[in-house]
Amino acid sequence: GDEPERIIHTTLDLTENWKEWKVKEKTTILEPQLKWEGVELDLRQSVMGAVQSRVRELRDPCIFEDIDGIVYLLYCGAGESGIGIVKINNI
């Protein structure tokens, strides 16, 4: 896992055998910045699966476009302790 777990953007070439897919350049989109996101908690390597306590991690990103065409990113903060939403510009 990452340290801290954060929301990243990357691309994959899906035309080859899936066992050979490689992540291209990664760009950080969002990382913990606010208390409800766990910014005050210690950095630890993330582990796969649900967490039972607050951790310094952003997880489970989801893109949402409303009926007016405005695009948002929804995500979980502090592990699975809260849900955030941010407007995405220039998509």
Protein backbone atom coordinates (compact mmCIF):
# COMPACT_ATOMS: atom_id res chain seq x y z
CA GLY A 1 0.00 0.00 0.00
CA ASP A 2 0.85 3.66 -0.23
CA GLU A 3 2.03 5.91 2.60
CA PRO A 4 -0.18 7.90 2.90
CA GLU A 5 -3.01 6.33 0.95
CA ARG A 6 -4.12 9.06 -1.43
CA ILE A 7 -6.08 9.62 -4.62
CA ILE A 8 -3.87 9.37 -7.72
CA HIS A 9 -4.38 9.58 -11.48
CA THR A 10 -2.54 7.32 -13.85
CA THR A 11 -2.98 5.53 -17.16
CA LEU A 12 -2.60 1.92 -18.23
CA ASP A 13 -2.24 0.43 -21.70
CA LEU A 14 -4.94 -2.26 -21.63
CA THR A 15 -4.15 -3.72 -25.05
CA GLU A 16 -1.55 -6.20 -23.81
CA ASN A 17 -1.88 -9.28 -21.62
CA TRP A 18 -3.39 -8.09 -18.31
CA LYS A 19 -0.59 -9.80 -16.37
CA GLU A 20 1.84 -7.38 -18.04
CA TRP A 21 -0.06 -4.12 -17.40
CA LYS A 22 2.19 -1.43 -15.99
CA VAL A 23 1.26 1.82 -14.31
CA LYS A 24 2.49 4.83 -16.23
CA GLU A 25 3.28 8.20 -14.60
CA LYS A 26 1.30 8.78 -11.37
CA THR A 27 -0.05 12.20 -10.38
CA THR A 28 -1.41 12.90 -6.90
CA ILE A 29 -4.92 14.34 -7.14
CA LEU A 30 -5.76 14.57 -3.44
CA GLU A 31 -4.10 13.55 -0.17
CA PRO A 32 -5.16 14.04 3.46
CA GLN A 33 -5.16 17.78 4.29
CA LEU A 34 -7.95 18.17 6.84
CA LYS A 35 -8.57 16.68 10.29
CA TRP A 36 -11.64 14.73 9.15
CA GLU A 37 -9.42 13.15 6.44
CA GLY A 38 -6.92 11.99 9.08
CA VAL A 39 -4.12 14.50 8.40
CA GLU A 40 -3.15 14.58 12.10
CA LEU A 41 -2.67 10.80 12.30
CA ASP A 42 0.65 8.99 11.93
CA LEU A 43 1.83 7.92 8.49
CA ARG A 44 1.54 4.17 8.02
CA GLN A 45 1.62 1.92 5.01
CA SER A 46 -1.96 1.11 4.02
CA VAL A 47 -3.32 -2.42 3.89
CA MET A 48 -6.01 -3.83 1.64
CA GLY A 49 -9.50 -4.15 3.09
CA ALA A 50 -11.70 -2.33 5.56
CA VAL A 51 -10.23 -0.52 8.55
CA GLN A 52 -11.88 -0.34 11.96
CA SER A 53 -10.32 2.93 13.15
CA ARG A 54 -9.38 6.34 11.76
CA VAL A 55 -6.24 6.26 9.61
CA ARG A 56 -4.40 8.83 7.50
CA GLU A 57 -5.86 7.59 4.23
CA LEU A 58 -8.11 8.72 1.40
CA ARG A 59 -9.84 5.79 -0.28
CA ASP A 60 -12.49 4.62 -2.72
CA PRO A 61 -12.58 7.46 -5.28
CA CYS A 62 -15.64 7.74 -7.50
CA ILE A 63 -16.33 10.22 -10.31
CA PHE A 64 -19.85 11.71 -10.44
CA GLU A 65 -21.29 14.01 -13.11
CA ASP A 66 -24.51 15.87 -12.27
CA ILE A 67 -27.30 16.72 -14.72
CA ASP A 68 -25.67 20.10 -15.44
CA GLY A 69 -22.42 18.43 -16.52
CA ILE A 70 -20.47 19.43 -13.39
CA VAL A 71 -18.00 16.69 -12.43
CA TYR A 72 -17.21 15.77 -8.83
CA LEU A 73 -14.86 13.38 -7.06
CA LEU A 74 -16.32 11.52 -4.08
CA TYR A 75 -13.96 9.76 -1.67
CA CYS A 76 -13.65 8.33 1.84
CA GLY A 77 -11.53 10.16 4.40
CA ALA A 78 -9.62 8.82 7.43
CA GLY A 79 -10.01 5.31 6.06
CA GLU A 80 -13.77 4.85 5.97
CA SER A 81 -14.68 7.47 8.61
CA GLY A 82 -16.31 10.05 6.33
CA ILE A 83 -17.26 10.88 2.76
CA GLY A 84 -15.90 13.91 0.91
CA ILE A 85 -16.87 15.51 -2.36
CA VAL A 86 -14.85 18.00 -4.42
CA LYS A 87 -15.62 19.68 -7.72
CA ILE A 88 -13.24 18.73 -10.52
CA ASN A 89 -12.22 21.55 -12.84
CA ASN A 90 -10.68 21.24 -16.31
CA ILE A 91 -11.61 17.65 -16.96
